Amino acid sequence: MMEIRSLVPDDRAAWEPLWQGYLAFYQTSVTDDLTALTWARFHDPAEPMHAYGAFIDGRLAGITHLILHRSTWTASPYCYLQDLFTAEWARRRGVASTLIEWVYGEAARLGAGRVHWLTQESNREAQAVYDRISARSGFIQYRTLLPV
């Protein structure tokens, strides 16, 4: 049985290995300070960021993070599903699709009119899941990093 819920401050020790696994999958890293800031943002009611976890037998099996943002095309906000990661031991058990379905419901509850996300072109396994539960937008993302 799988339980989906908001992550609370006491979940950090269970969340962080999955967060690090997600970063490793995309061959990147962030500083400990940025990880701490991200975790704090999830629990700040003034922030439009949310973190959810899928638990199997009380063990954190997967995580997802969402960000609400405004759009010039609608009065309602959009929901960006920024991160999605399933622990290796829990893969192929429906965790990812269950988390995405949860995000749909949570986004609707929060007033969002759309959920969208990105994945790497080479992530075919994830795309097989995504293609079953959503539609490709047809857009290509361009990115420029700016100095901060």
C-alpha atoms as a PDB file:
ATOM      1  CA  MET A   1       0.000   0.000   0.000  1.00  0.00           C
ATOM      2  CA  MET A   2       1.301   3.432  -0.966  1.00  0.00           C
ATOM      3  CA  GLU A   3       0.653   6.633   0.973  1.00  0.00           C
ATOM      4  CA  ILE A   4       1.281  10.059  -0.594  1.00  0.00           C
ATOM      5  CA  ARG A   5       1.619  13.097   1.636  1.00  0.00           C
ATOM      6  CA  SER A   6       3.351  16.428   2.070  1.00  0.00           C
ATOM      7  CA  LEU A   7       6.838  16.101   3.435  1.00  0.00           C
ATOM      8  CA  VAL A   8       7.291  17.625   6.877  1.00  0.00           C
ATOM      9  CA  PRO A   9      10.495  18.925   8.498  1.00  0.00           C
ATOM     10  CA  ASP A  10      11.061  15.591  10.280  1.00  0.00           C
ATOM     11  CA  ASP A  11      11.230  13.840   6.863  1.00  0.00           C
ATOM     12  CA  ARG A  12      14.502  15.496   5.861  1.00  0.00           C
ATOM     13  CA  ALA A  13      16.716  12.511   6.731  1.00  0.00           C
ATOM     14  CA  ALA A  14      14.586  10.268   4.478  1.00  0.00           C
ATOM     15  CA  TRP A  15      14.228  12.908   1.736  1.00  0.00           C
ATOM     16  CA  GLU A  16      17.872  13.862   1.357  1.00  0.00           C
ATOM     17  CA  PRO A  17      19.172  10.523  -0.041  1.00  0.00           C
ATOM     18  CA  LEU A  18      16.459  10.604  -2.709  1.00  0.00           C
ATOM     19  CA  TRP A  19      17.272  14.256  -3.471  1.00  0.00           C
ATOM     20  CA  GLN A  20      20.946  13.350  -3.836  1.00  0.00           C
ATOM     21  CA  GLY A  21      19.993  10.350  -6.002  1.00  0.00           C
ATOM     22  CA  TYR A  22      17.965  12.629  -8.247  1.00  0.00           C
ATOM     23  CA  LEU A  23      20.885  15.041  -8.613  1.00  0.00           C
ATOM     24  CA  ALA A  24      23.289  12.151  -9.304  1.00  0.00           C
ATOM     25  CA  PHE A  25      20.944  10.765 -11.982  1.00  0.00           C
ATOM     26  CA  TYR A  26      21.217  14.090 -13.800  1.00  0.00           C
ATOM     27  CA  GLN A  27      24.980  14.181 -13.149  1.00  0.00           C
ATOM     28  CA  THR A  28      24.844  17.380 -11.158  1.00  0.00           C
ATOM     29  CA  SER A  29      25.156  18.553  -7.596  1.00  0.00           C
ATOM     30  CA  VAL A  30      24.237  21.501  -5.436  1.00  0.00           C
ATOM     31  CA  THR A  31      25.880  22.830  -2.309  1.00  0.00           C
ATOM     32  CA  ASP A  32      24.771  21.779   1.148  1.00  0.00           C
ATOM     33  CA  ASP A  33      23.632  25.368   1.686  1.00  0.00           C
ATOM     34  CA  LEU A  34      21.381  25.224  -1.380  1.00  0.00           C
ATOM     35  CA  THR A  35      19.952  21.877  -0.276  1.00  0.00           C
ATOM     36  CA  ALA A  36      19.177  23.424   3.119  1.00  0.00           C
ATOM     37  CA  LEU A  37      17.589  26.466   1.439  1.00  0.00           C
ATOM     38  CA  THR A  38      15.480  24.256  -0.824  1.00  0.00           C
ATOM     39  CA  TRP A  39      14.284  22.193   2.134  1.00  0.00           C
ATOM     40  CA  ALA A  40      13.435  25.376   4.060  1.00  0.00           C
ATOM     41  CA  ARG A  41      11.472  26.767   1.106  1.00  0.00           C
ATOM     42  CA  PHE A  42       9.264  23.673   1.051  1.00  0.00           C
ATOM     43  CA  HIS A  43       8.165  24.466   4.601  1.00  0.00           C
ATOM     44  CA  ASP A  44       7.781  28.234   4.270  1.00  0.00           C
ATOM     45  CA  PRO A  45       4.100  29.113   3.710  1.00  0.00           C
ATOM     46  CA  ALA A  46       5.175  32.240   1.785  1.00  0.00           C
ATOM     47  CA  GLU A  47       6.953  30.122  -0.847  1.00  0.00           C
ATOM     48  CA  PRO A  48       5.095  28.627  -3.857  1.00  0.00           C
ATOM     49  CA  MET A  49       7.165  25.419  -3.556  1.00  0.00           C
ATOM     50  CA  HIS A  50       5.870  22.091  -2.231  1.00  0.00           C
ATOM     51  CA  ALA A  51       7.406  18.670  -1.575  1.00  0.00           C
ATOM     52  CA  TYR A  52       5.534  15.368  -1.472  1.00  0.00           C
ATOM     53  CA  GLY A  53       6.586  11.835  -0.781  1.00  0.00           C
ATOM     54  CA  ALA A  54       5.308   8.385  -1.656  1.00  0.00           C
ATOM     55  CA  PHE A  55       5.687   5.976   1.243  1.00  0.00           C
ATOM     56  CA  ILE A  56       5.546   2.194   0.975  1.00  0.00           C
ATOM     57  CA  ASP A  57       5.335   0.397   4.310  1.00  0.00           C
ATOM     58  CA  GLY A  58       6.387   3.621   6.017  1.00  0.00           C
ATOM     59  CA  ARG A  59       9.541   3.964   3.906  1.00  0.00           C
ATOM     60  CA  LEU A  60      10.043   6.918   1.538  1.00  0.00           C
ATOM     61  CA  ALA A  61       9.889   5.423  -1.958  1.00  0.00           C
ATOM     62  CA  GLY A  62       9.694   8.537  -4.125  1.00  0.00           C
ATOM     63  CA  ILE A  63       9.653  12.315  -4.044  1.00  0.00           C
ATOM     64  CA  THR A  64       8.250  15.096  -6.150  1.00  0.00           C
ATOM     65  CA  HIS A  65       8.560  18.864  -5.909  1.00  0.00           C
ATOM     66  CA  LEU A  66       6.222  21.363  -7.456  1.00  0.00           C
ATOM     67  CA  ILE A  67       6.297  25.102  -7.970  1.00  0.00           C
ATOM     68  CA  LEU A  68       3.263  27.262  -8.659  1.00  0.00           C
ATOM     69  CA  HIS A  69       3.866  30.179 -11.018  1.00  0.00           C
ATOM     70  CA  ARG A  70       1.849  32.814 -12.825  1.00  0.00           C
ATOM     71  CA  SER A  71       1.180  32.783 -16.533  1.00  0.00           C
ATOM     72  CA  THR A  72       0.492  35.555 -19.024  1.00  0.00           C
ATOM     73  CA  TRP A  73      -2.011  33.243 -20.731  1.00  0.00           C
ATOM     74  CA  THR A  74      -4.370  32.443 -17.851  1.00  0.00           C
ATOM     75  CA  ALA A  75      -5.700  33.932 -14.647  1.00  0.00           C
ATOM     76  CA  SER A  76      -4.961  30.714 -12.781  1.00  0.00           C
ATOM     77  CA  PRO A  77      -1.388  29.704 -11.996  1.00  0.00           C
ATOM     78  CA  TYR A  78       0.460  26.843 -13.622  1.00  0.00           C
ATOM     79  CA  CYS A  79       2.122  24.049 -11.697  1.00  0.00           C
ATOM     80  CA  TYR A  80       5.674  23.119 -12.629  1.00  0.00           C
ATOM     81  CA  LEU A  81       6.508  19.597 -11.513  1.00  0.00           C
ATOM     82  CA  GLN A  82      10.195  20.314 -11.099  1.00  0.00           C
ATOM     83  CA  ASP A  83      11.615  17.106  -9.640  1.00  0.00           C
ATOM     84  CA  LEU A  84      10.462  13.489  -9.586  1.00  0.00           C
ATOM     85  CA  PHE A  85      12.544  10.620  -8.305  1.00  0.00           C
ATOM     86  CA  THR A  86      11.877   7.056  -7.203  1.00  0.00           C
ATOM     87  CA  ALA A  87      14.224   5.092  -4.941  1.00  0.00           C
ATOM     88  CA  GLU A  88      15.855   2.227  -6.777  1.00  0.00           C
ATOM     89  CA  TRP A  89      14.239  -0.403  -4.529  1.00  0.00           C
ATOM     90  CA  ALA A  90      10.774   0.999  -5.370  1.00  0.00           C
ATOM     91  CA  ARG A  91      11.048   1.289  -9.156  1.00  0.00           C
ATOM     92  CA  ARG A  92       8.510  -0.363 -11.437  1.00  0.00           C
ATOM     93  CA  ARG A  93       5.914  -0.316  -8.646  1.00  0.00           C
ATOM     94  CA  GLY A  94       3.886   2.637  -9.947  1.00  0.00           C
ATOM     95  CA  VAL A  95       5.504   5.218  -7.666  1.00  0.00           C
ATOM     96  CA  ALA A  96       6.234   7.795 -10.384  1.00  0.00           C
ATOM     97  CA  SER A  97       2.807   7.640 -12.007  1.00  0.00           C
ATOM     98  CA  THR A  98       1.101   7.702  -8.595  1.00  0.00           C
ATOM     99  CA  LEU A  99       3.105  10.791  -7.606  1.00  0.00           C
ATOM    100  CA  ILE A 100       2.246  12.540 -10.875  1.00  0.00           C
ATOM    101  CA  GLU A 101      -1.440  11.768 -10.405  1.00  0.00           C
ATOM    102  CA  TRP A 102      -1.116  13.164  -6.863  1.00  0.00           C
ATOM    103  CA  VAL A 103       0.434  16.342  -8.267  1.00  0.00           C
ATOM    104  CA  TYR A 104      -2.531  16.703 -10.648  1.00  0.00           C
ATOM    105  CA  GLY A 105      -4.918  16.632  -7.699  1.00  0.00           C
ATOM    106  CA  GLU A 106      -2.786  18.865  -5.521  1.00  0.00           C
ATOM    107  CA  ALA A 107      -2.279  21.377  -8.328  1.00  0.00           C
ATOM    108  CA  ALA A 108      -6.037  21.519  -8.887  1.00  0.00           C
ATOM    109  CA  ARG A 109      -6.577  21.984  -5.139  1.00  0.00           C
ATOM    110  CA  LEU A 110      -4.100  24.882  -5.222  1.00  0.00           C
ATOM    111  CA  GLY A 111      -5.947  26.486  -8.140  1.00  0.00           C
ATOM    112  CA  ALA A 112      -3.548  25.624 -10.974  1.00  0.00           C
ATOM    113  CA  GLY A 113      -4.932  25.182 -14.460  1.00  0.00           C
ATOM    114  CA  ARG A 114      -1.996  23.219 -15.884  1.00  0.00           C
ATOM    115  CA  VAL A 115       0.761  20.862 -14.787  1.00  0.00           C
ATOM    116  CA  HIS A 116       3.935  20.707 -16.859  1.00  0.00           C
ATOM    117  CA  TRP A 117       7.417  19.229 -16.518  1.00  0.00           C
ATOM    118  CA  LEU A 118      10.615  18.474 -18.406  1.00  0.00           C
ATOM    119  CA  THR A 119      12.699  15.372 -18.877  1.00  0.00           C
ATOM    120  CA  GLN A 120      15.911  14.666 -20.710  1.00  0.00           C
ATOM    121  CA  GLU A 121      15.606  13.373 -24.255  1.00  0.00           C
ATOM    122  CA  SER A 122      17.633  10.314 -23.266  1.00  0.00           C
ATOM    123  CA  ASN A 123      15.377   9.388 -20.323  1.00  0.00           C
ATOM    124  CA  ARG A 124      13.313   6.884 -22.334  1.00  0.00           C
ATOM    125  CA  GLU A 125      12.166   4.872 -19.312  1.00  0.00           C
ATOM    126  CA  ALA A 126      10.559   7.934 -17.739  1.00  0.00           C
ATOM    127  CA  GLN A 127       9.078   9.002 -21.061  1.00  0.00           C
ATOM    128  CA  ALA A 128       7.298   5.650 -21.345  1.00  0.00           C
ATOM    129  CA  VAL A 129       5.499   6.492 -18.084  1.00  0.00           C
ATOM    130  CA  TYR A 130       4.861  10.121 -19.013  1.00  0.00           C
ATOM    131  CA  ASP A 131       3.478   9.231 -22.446  1.00  0.00           C
ATOM    132  CA  ARG A 132       0.814   7.072 -20.752  1.00  0.00           C
ATOM    133  CA  ILE A 133      -0.433   9.811 -18.413  1.00  0.00           C
ATOM    134  CA  SER A 134       0.155  13.087 -20.237  1.00  0.00           C
ATOM    135  CA  ALA A 135       0.728  14.631 -23.653  1.00  0.00           C
ATOM    136  CA  ARG A 136       3.942  16.063 -25.050  1.00  0.00           C
ATOM    137  CA  SER A 137       3.745  19.798 -25.564  1.00  0.00           C
ATOM    138  CA  GLY A 138       5.805  19.937 -28.731  1.00  0.00           C
ATOM    139  CA  PHE A 139       7.955  22.721 -27.313  1.00  0.00           C
ATOM    140  CA  ILE A 140      11.752  22.655 -27.126  1.00  0.00           C
ATOM    141  CA  GLN A 141      13.423  24.268 -24.139  1.00  0.00           C
ATOM    142  CA  TYR A 142      16.279  26.736 -24.553  1.00  0.00           C
ATOM    143  CA  ARG A 143      18.402  27.739 -21.596  1.00  0.00           C
ATOM    144  CA  THR A 144      20.979  30.403 -20.838  1.00  0.00           C
ATOM    145  CA  LEU A 145      22.685  30.522 -17.462  1.00  0.00           C
ATOM    146  CA  LEU A 146      23.221  33.994 -16.058  1.00  0.00           C
ATOM    147  CA  PRO A 147      25.777  35.086 -13.489  1.00  0.00           C
ATOM    148  CA  VAL A 148      24.322  35.679 -10.033  1.00  0.00           C
END
